[in-house]
Each structure stands twice: as C-alpha cells, then as structure tokens.
Amino acid sequence: MINELEKKSSFNAMSDLEITKNSIEMLRYRNNRLAYALGLSGVALSLLAAFVCMNSMNPENFQVIFKIILNVFILLFGFLCCEKAKTYQVRGSFYLIGLGVICFFRILWIPLQLMTNYSAYVAAKAADDVEAMNNASRFLGATIINSDGQVNWLPADGTTRGLIAIILLVLAGILMIVGGVIGFLKAKKLTAYLDSLKETK
C-alpha cells in the first residue's frame, strides 16, 4: 500500500514536471501576446494623455516642441520594446518597465503645471488682476482661455484636463510595468530552459 502511494506521488510529481516543461517549451513557438498587448495599450494611453496636455497648452510655449519630440520617442521606443517583449527578450521587457516609471514622473510635469496655472488664472480673473492673468495664460492654450465651456471632446477646464491626463498616465504606467514584468518573467523562464537543454547535450 505504501509502495503504491509512493509510486503514485512520484508519478504525480513527474506529471507536474512534464506539464511545466511542456508549457515552457510552448513559449518557443508562441509570442508573448499578453505582454505585447499590455505594453502597447500603455503606449496608446500615454499618447492620449499627451494629446490632452498639448491641446491645453499655449503652442508658442517651448515645452510644446519638447513634449512633441518626447512623445514621438516614447511612441517609437515603446513600440520597439513591445515587439522585443513579445519575442521574450529580457532587455525589451526591462526597458518597457522603465517607460512605465517615466509615465509616473511625467505626472509631476505638464498635468500638475496645467492645473496650477489654470487655478492661478481663475483666481486672477476673479480678482480682475490683469497682470496675474497674463502671467498664468502664458502656459494655457486658447482652447481653455477663449472657450465657451466645451471644446470638442474635452471640457474647457484646466483642472479637469489635468486630472484626465494624470489618470491616463497612471493607467499607462501600470500597463507598461505589468506588461514588462510579465515579459521579463517569461523571458527568464525560457532562457533558463534553453540553457538547461544546452547542458544536457
């Protein structure tokens, strides 16, 4: 009876091991679609946040040009990282995590600056302080200052736009980081499995 239980437990252990090996073996023939989809969704949300911010900024401000260049870089580099994560490349997954972290730091830049300047503009307008209004409006775009309350799909409220951009950047950062972590873990598993095959030869 004991021998039968030992054989059964040994058989179950071997079965679990075979299942694990088979699942890792399948990684050689299947792309990492989950990491790719998560990363690409993060890049898309990051660009959407950029559109919200740029639509709210004064186009004569030098930061607009810099932000356009930055987002073109994020688009191209992010897409490249997603492609590498899809093919189980550790470096691509690692860079994707880095882009996700950058998204969180971007919250401290344009969105908060937009909300701060808009609040200053509203306060100056209520106090009828022309000089303070001019100083605050240097950063704000005409879609906010000269709006009747609604601009296409965006509300003409700098605070609301800033919150929308923050939410989009948070979601983008989370998706990129999760996608990168999934890609990294699967890539490490596949690399270790391939190395074990080389050792057995």
C-alpha atoms as a PDB file:
ATOM      1  CA  MET A   1       0.000   0.000   0.000  1.00  0.00           C
ATOM      2  CA  ILE A   2       2.816   2.372   0.952  1.00  0.00           C
ATOM      3  CA  ASN A   3       4.727   1.484  -2.197  1.00  0.00           C
ATOM      4  CA  GLU A   4       1.663   2.219  -4.300  1.00  0.00           C
ATOM      5  CA  LEU A   5       1.255   5.637  -2.652  1.00  0.00           C
ATOM      6  CA  GLU A   6       4.926   6.406  -3.200  1.00  0.00           C
ATOM      7  CA  LYS A   7       4.680   5.418  -6.857  1.00  0.00           C
ATOM      8  CA  LYS A   8       1.538   7.493  -7.283  1.00  0.00           C
ATOM      9  CA  SER A   9       3.091  10.588  -5.672  1.00  0.00           C
ATOM     10  CA  SER A  10       6.230  10.102  -7.762  1.00  0.00           C
ATOM     11  CA  PHE A  11       4.105   9.786 -10.891  1.00  0.00           C
ATOM     12  CA  ASN A  12       2.178  12.959  -9.993  1.00  0.00           C
ATOM     13  CA  ALA A  13       5.419  14.841  -9.399  1.00  0.00           C
ATOM     14  CA  MET A  14       6.761  13.697 -12.773  1.00  0.00           C
ATOM     15  CA  SER A  15       3.488  14.671 -14.423  1.00  0.00           C
ATOM     16  CA  ASP A  16       3.651  18.174 -12.932  1.00  0.00           C
ATOM     17  CA  LEU A  17       7.260  18.462 -14.091  1.00  0.00           C
ATOM     18  CA  GLU A  18       6.336  17.394 -17.605  1.00  0.00           C
ATOM     19  CA  ILE A  19       3.462  19.866 -17.687  1.00  0.00           C
ATOM     20  CA  THR A  20       5.833  22.651 -16.625  1.00  0.00           C
ATOM     21  CA  LYS A  21       8.379  21.658 -19.262  1.00  0.00           C
ATOM     22  CA  ASN A  22       5.721  21.469 -21.934  1.00  0.00           C
ATOM     23  CA  SER A  23       4.346  24.891 -21.025  1.00  0.00           C
ATOM     24  CA  ILE A  24       7.826  26.418 -21.211  1.00  0.00           C
ATOM     25  CA  GLU A  25       8.555  24.545 -24.424  1.00  0.00           C
ATOM     26  CA  MET A  26       5.466  26.135 -25.974  1.00  0.00           C
ATOM     27  CA  LEU A  27       6.964  29.575 -25.329  1.00  0.00           C
ATOM     28  CA  ARG A  28       9.465  28.826 -28.090  1.00  0.00           C
ATOM     29  CA  TYR A  29       6.646  28.721 -30.625  1.00  0.00           C
ATOM     30  CA  ARG A  30       4.196  31.288 -29.221  1.00  0.00           C
ATOM     31  CA  ASN A  31       4.648  35.026 -28.949  1.00  0.00           C
ATOM     32  CA  ASN A  32       4.131  36.735 -25.603  1.00  0.00           C
ATOM     33  CA  ARG A  33       0.867  38.352 -26.661  1.00  0.00           C
ATOM     34  CA  LEU A  34      -0.178  39.418 -23.166  1.00  0.00           C
ATOM     35  CA  ALA A  35       2.969  41.470 -22.508  1.00  0.00           C
ATOM     36  CA  TYR A  36       2.708  42.936 -26.014  1.00  0.00           C
ATOM     37  CA  ALA A  37      -0.959  43.923 -25.605  1.00  0.00           C
ATOM     38  CA  LEU A  38      -0.423  45.465 -22.171  1.00  0.00           C
ATOM     39  CA  GLY A  39       2.652  47.406 -23.266  1.00  0.00           C
ATOM     40  CA  LEU A  40       1.039  48.672 -26.453  1.00  0.00           C
ATOM     41  CA  SER A  41      -2.086  49.733 -24.549  1.00  0.00           C
ATOM     42  CA  GLY A  42       0.141  51.671 -22.160  1.00  0.00           C
ATOM     43  CA  VAL A  43       1.858  53.448 -25.056  1.00  0.00           C
ATOM     44  CA  ALA A  44      -1.537  54.356 -26.551  1.00  0.00           C
ATOM     45  CA  LEU A  45      -2.809  55.795 -23.249  1.00  0.00           C
ATOM     46  CA  SER A  46       0.435  57.722 -22.840  1.00  0.00           C
ATOM     47  CA  LEU A  47      -0.076  59.341 -26.238  1.00  0.00           C
ATOM     48  CA  LEU A  48      -3.708  60.131 -25.413  1.00  0.00           C
ATOM     49  CA  ALA A  49      -2.545  61.899 -22.236  1.00  0.00           C
ATOM     50  CA  ALA A  50      -0.058  63.840 -24.358  1.00  0.00           C
ATOM     51  CA  PHE A  51      -2.836  64.979 -26.714  1.00  0.00           C
ATOM     52  CA  VAL A  52      -4.885  66.191 -23.744  1.00  0.00           C
ATOM     53  CA  CYS A  53      -1.926  68.167 -22.412  1.00  0.00           C
ATOM     54  CA  MET A  54      -0.846  69.632 -25.759  1.00  0.00           C
ATOM     55  CA  ASN A  55      -4.414  70.667 -26.567  1.00  0.00           C
ATOM     56  CA  SER A  56      -4.399  72.596 -23.288  1.00  0.00           C
ATOM     57  CA  MET A  57      -1.049  74.343 -23.729  1.00  0.00           C
ATOM     58  CA  ASN A  58      -0.027  77.546 -25.432  1.00  0.00           C
ATOM     59  CA  PRO A  59       1.527  76.404 -28.759  1.00  0.00           C
ATOM     60  CA  GLU A  60       4.062  79.232 -28.517  1.00  0.00           C
ATOM     61  CA  ASN A  61       5.479  77.705 -25.359  1.00  0.00           C
ATOM     62  CA  PHE A  62       8.807  75.918 -25.941  1.00  0.00           C
ATOM     63  CA  GLN A  63       7.614  72.981 -23.836  1.00  0.00           C
ATOM     64  CA  VAL A  64       5.162  72.003 -26.590  1.00  0.00           C
ATOM     65  CA  ILE A  65       8.005  71.302 -29.024  1.00  0.00           C
ATOM     66  CA  PHE A  66       9.933  69.352 -26.418  1.00  0.00           C
ATOM     67  CA  LYS A  67       6.814  67.375 -25.464  1.00  0.00           C
ATOM     68  CA  ILE A  68       6.111  66.501 -29.099  1.00  0.00           C
ATOM     69  CA  ILE A  69       9.674  65.190 -29.511  1.00  0.00           C
ATOM     70  CA  LEU A  70       9.404  63.270 -26.228  1.00  0.00           C
ATOM     71  CA  ASN A  71       6.142  61.604 -27.230  1.00  0.00           C
ATOM     72  CA  VAL A  72       7.455  60.651 -30.665  1.00  0.00           C
ATOM     73  CA  PHE A  73      10.363  58.985 -28.856  1.00  0.00           C
ATOM     74  CA  ILE A  74       8.001  57.209 -26.423  1.00  0.00           C
ATOM     75  CA  LEU A  75       5.855  56.003 -29.332  1.00  0.00           C
ATOM     76  CA  LEU A  76       8.748  54.592 -31.362  1.00  0.00           C
ATOM     77  CA  PHE A  77      10.798  53.260 -28.465  1.00  0.00           C
ATOM     78  CA  GLY A  78       7.705  51.912 -26.697  1.00  0.00           C
ATOM     79  CA  PHE A  79       6.595  50.046 -29.808  1.00  0.00           C
ATOM     80  CA  LEU A  80      10.109  48.605 -30.194  1.00  0.00           C
ATOM     81  CA  CYS A  81      10.099  47.472 -26.549  1.00  0.00           C
ATOM     82  CA  CYS A  82       6.688  45.827 -27.015  1.00  0.00           C
ATOM     83  CA  GLU A  83       7.975  43.948 -30.047  1.00  0.00           C
ATOM     84  CA  LYS A  84      11.007  42.732 -28.107  1.00  0.00           C
ATOM     85  CA  ALA A  85       8.875  41.742 -25.106  1.00  0.00           C
ATOM     86  CA  LYS A  86       6.629  39.795 -27.474  1.00  0.00           C
ATOM     87  CA  THR A  87       9.622  37.700 -28.563  1.00  0.00           C
ATOM     88  CA  TYR A  88      10.816  37.088 -24.970  1.00  0.00           C
ATOM     89  CA  GLN A  89      13.777  39.477 -24.986  1.00  0.00           C
ATOM     90  CA  VAL A  90      14.704  40.444 -21.430  1.00  0.00           C
ATOM     91  CA  ARG A  91      16.123  43.834 -22.362  1.00  0.00           C
ATOM     92  CA  GLY A  92      12.925  44.899 -24.147  1.00  0.00           C
ATOM     93  CA  SER A  93      10.818  43.981 -21.120  1.00  0.00           C
ATOM     94  CA  PHE A  94      13.202  45.837 -18.824  1.00  0.00           C
ATOM     95  CA  TYR A  95      13.013  48.989 -20.956  1.00  0.00           C
ATOM     96  CA  LEU A  96       9.218  48.716 -21.018  1.00  0.00           C
ATOM     97  CA  ILE A  97       9.207  48.805 -17.221  1.00  0.00           C
ATOM     98  CA  GLY A  98      11.420  51.894 -17.407  1.00  0.00           C
ATOM     99  CA  LEU A  99       8.956  53.646 -19.719  1.00  0.00           C
ATOM    100  CA  GLY A 100       6.179  52.862 -17.252  1.00  0.00           C
ATOM    101  CA  VAL A 101       8.160  54.515 -14.451  1.00  0.00           C
ATOM    102  CA  ILE A 102       8.743  57.561 -16.681  1.00  0.00           C
ATOM    103  CA  CYS A 103       4.955  57.873 -17.096  1.00  0.00           C
ATOM    104  CA  PHE A 104       4.594  58.357 -13.348  1.00  0.00           C
ATOM    105  CA  PHE A 105       7.276  61.062 -13.345  1.00  0.00           C
ATOM    106  CA  ARG A 106       5.519  62.814 -16.233  1.00  0.00           C
ATOM    107  CA  ILE A 107       2.583  63.439 -13.898  1.00  0.00           C
ATOM    108  CA  LEU A 108       4.782  65.893 -11.989  1.00  0.00           C
ATOM    109  CA  TRP A 109       5.426  67.896 -15.135  1.00  0.00           C
ATOM    110  CA  ILE A 110       2.690  69.042 -17.552  1.00  0.00           C
ATOM    111  CA  PRO A 111      -0.535  67.901 -15.794  1.00  0.00           C
ATOM    112  CA  LEU A 112       0.312  69.472 -12.435  1.00  0.00           C
ATOM    113  CA  GLN A 113       1.705  72.568 -14.149  1.00  0.00           C
ATOM    114  CA  LEU A 114      -1.506  72.856 -16.153  1.00  0.00           C
ATOM    115  CA  MET A 115      -3.663  72.600 -13.027  1.00  0.00           C
ATOM    116  CA  THR A 116      -1.517  75.097 -11.112  1.00  0.00           C
ATOM    117  CA  ASN A 117      -1.556  77.713 -13.893  1.00  0.00           C
ATOM    118  CA  TYR A 118      -5.262  77.264 -14.516  1.00  0.00           C
ATOM    119  CA  SER A 119      -6.041  77.774 -10.818  1.00  0.00           C
ATOM    120  CA  ALA A 120      -3.871  80.915 -10.830  1.00  0.00           C
ATOM    121  CA  TYR A 121      -5.635  82.148 -13.968  1.00  0.00           C
ATOM    122  CA  VAL A 122      -9.112  81.612 -12.492  1.00  0.00           C
ATOM    123  CA  ALA A 123      -8.130  83.339  -9.229  1.00  0.00           C
ATOM    124  CA  ALA A 124      -6.608  86.290 -11.116  1.00  0.00           C
ATOM    125  CA  LYS A 125      -9.683  86.578 -13.340  1.00  0.00           C
ATOM    126  CA  ALA A 126     -11.967  86.621 -10.302  1.00  0.00           C
ATOM    127  CA  ALA A 127      -9.804  89.339  -8.724  1.00  0.00           C
ATOM    128  CA  ASP A 128      -9.628  91.211 -12.040  1.00  0.00           C
ATOM    129  CA  ASP A 129      -5.810  91.120 -11.853  1.00  0.00           C
ATOM    130  CA  VAL A 130      -4.747  91.556 -15.500  1.00  0.00           C
ATOM    131  CA  GLU A 131      -1.031  91.103 -14.876  1.00  0.00           C
ATOM    132  CA  ALA A 132      -1.514  87.846 -12.987  1.00  0.00           C
ATOM    133  CA  MET A 133      -3.911  86.635 -15.692  1.00  0.00           C
ATOM    134  CA  ASN A 134      -1.307  87.322 -18.380  1.00  0.00           C
ATOM    135  CA  ASN A 135       1.391  85.513 -16.419  1.00  0.00           C
ATOM    136  CA  ALA A 136      -0.798  82.439 -15.918  1.00  0.00           C
ATOM    137  CA  SER A 137      -2.105  82.435 -19.503  1.00  0.00           C
ATOM    138  CA  ARG A 138       1.420  82.140 -20.949  1.00  0.00           C
ATOM    139  CA  PHE A 139       1.183  78.404 -20.348  1.00  0.00           C
ATOM    140  CA  LEU A 140      -2.522  77.901 -21.119  1.00  0.00           C
ATOM    141  CA  GLY A 141      -3.873  77.352 -24.619  1.00  0.00           C
ATOM    142  CA  ALA A 142      -6.657  79.214 -26.370  1.00  0.00           C
ATOM    143  CA  THR A 143      -8.931  76.155 -26.055  1.00  0.00           C
ATOM    144  CA  ILE A 144      -9.121  76.947 -22.331  1.00  0.00           C
ATOM    145  CA  ILE A 145      -8.830  80.749 -22.196  1.00  0.00           C
ATOM    146  CA  ASN A 146     -11.076  81.609 -25.145  1.00  0.00           C
ATOM    147  CA  SER A 147     -13.517  78.725 -24.801  1.00  0.00           C
ATOM    148  CA  ASP A 148     -17.247  78.905 -24.181  1.00  0.00           C
ATOM    149  CA  GLY A 149     -17.062  75.887 -21.878  1.00  0.00           C
ATOM    150  CA  GLN A 150     -16.672  72.908 -24.193  1.00  0.00           C
ATOM    151  CA  VAL A 151     -14.001  72.037 -26.751  1.00  0.00           C
ATOM    152  CA  ASN A 152     -14.873  69.011 -28.865  1.00  0.00           C
ATOM    153  CA  TRP A 153     -14.380  66.012 -26.563  1.00  0.00           C
ATOM    154  CA  LEU A 154     -12.536  67.928 -23.820  1.00  0.00           C
ATOM    155  CA  PRO A 155     -14.012  70.181 -21.123  1.00  0.00           C
ATOM    156  CA  ALA A 156     -12.553  73.696 -21.117  1.00  0.00           C
ATOM    157  CA  ASP A 157     -11.413  73.357 -17.529  1.00  0.00           C
ATOM    158  CA  GLY A 158      -7.685  73.109 -16.879  1.00  0.00           C
ATOM    159  CA  THR A 159      -8.149  71.238 -13.607  1.00  0.00           C
ATOM    160  CA  THR A 160     -10.364  68.601 -15.219  1.00  0.00           C
ATOM    161  CA  ARG A 161      -7.963  68.213 -18.133  1.00  0.00           C
ATOM    162  CA  GLY A 162      -5.055  67.844 -15.742  1.00  0.00           C
ATOM    163  CA  LEU A 163      -6.895  65.121 -13.815  1.00  0.00           C
ATOM    164  CA  ILE A 164      -7.740  63.315 -17.068  1.00  0.00           C
ATOM    165  CA  ALA A 165      -4.070  63.410 -18.100  1.00  0.00           C
ATOM    166  CA  ILE A 166      -2.978  62.139 -14.659  1.00  0.00           C
ATOM    167  CA  ILE A 167      -5.437  59.222 -14.788  1.00  0.00           C
ATOM    168  CA  LEU A 168      -4.305  58.303 -18.307  1.00  0.00           C
ATOM    169  CA  LEU A 169      -0.622  58.450 -17.341  1.00  0.00           C
ATOM    170  CA  VAL A 170      -1.203  56.331 -14.215  1.00  0.00           C
ATOM    171  CA  LEU A 171      -3.022  53.694 -16.265  1.00  0.00           C
ATOM    172  CA  ALA A 172      -0.321  53.846 -18.949  1.00  0.00           C
ATOM    173  CA  GLY A 173       2.422  53.402 -16.368  1.00  0.00           C
ATOM    174  CA  ILE A 174       0.665  50.453 -14.724  1.00  0.00           C
ATOM    175  CA  LEU A 175       0.042  48.696 -18.046  1.00  0.00           C
ATOM    176  CA  MET A 176       3.643  49.166 -19.192  1.00  0.00           C
ATOM    177  CA  ILE A 177       5.106  47.966 -15.910  1.00  0.00           C
ATOM    178  CA  VAL A 178       2.805  44.921 -15.690  1.00  0.00           C
ATOM    179  CA  GLY A 179       3.493  44.077 -19.334  1.00  0.00           C
ATOM    180  CA  GLY A 180       7.224  44.466 -18.774  1.00  0.00           C
ATOM    181  CA  VAL A 181       7.199  42.301 -15.634  1.00  0.00           C
ATOM    182  CA  ILE A 182       5.233  39.548 -17.395  1.00  0.00           C
ATOM    183  CA  GLY A 183       7.599  39.702 -20.357  1.00  0.00           C
ATOM    184  CA  PHE A 184      10.641  39.669 -18.078  1.00  0.00           C
ATOM    185  CA  LEU A 185       9.488  36.651 -16.042  1.00  0.00           C
ATOM    186  CA  LYS A 186       8.551  34.603 -19.099  1.00  0.00           C
ATOM    187  CA  ALA A 187      11.790  35.548 -20.849  1.00  0.00           C
ATOM    188  CA  LYS A 188      13.845  34.429 -17.830  1.00  0.00           C
ATOM    189  CA  LYS A 189      11.959  31.112 -17.699  1.00  0.00           C
ATOM    190  CA  LEU A 190      12.536  30.476 -21.386  1.00  0.00           C
ATOM    191  CA  THR A 191      16.215  31.441 -21.169  1.00  0.00           C
ATOM    192  CA  ALA A 192      16.773  29.123 -18.196  1.00  0.00           C
ATOM    193  CA  TYR A 193      15.000  26.289 -20.019  1.00  0.00           C
ATOM    194  CA  LEU A 194      17.068  26.753 -23.179  1.00  0.00           C
ATOM    195  CA  ASP A 195      20.263  26.850 -21.104  1.00  0.00           C
ATOM    196  CA  SER A 196      19.260  23.563 -19.420  1.00  0.00           C
ATOM    197  CA  LEU A 197      18.800  21.975 -22.851  1.00  0.00           C
ATOM    198  CA  LYS A 198      22.305  23.037 -23.853  1.00  0.00           C
ATOM    199  CA  GLU A 199      23.747  21.487 -20.689  1.00  0.00           C
ATOM    200  CA  THR A 200      22.078  18.130 -21.342  1.00  0.00           C
ATOM    201  CA  LYS A 201      23.591  17.856 -24.832  1.00  0.00           C
END
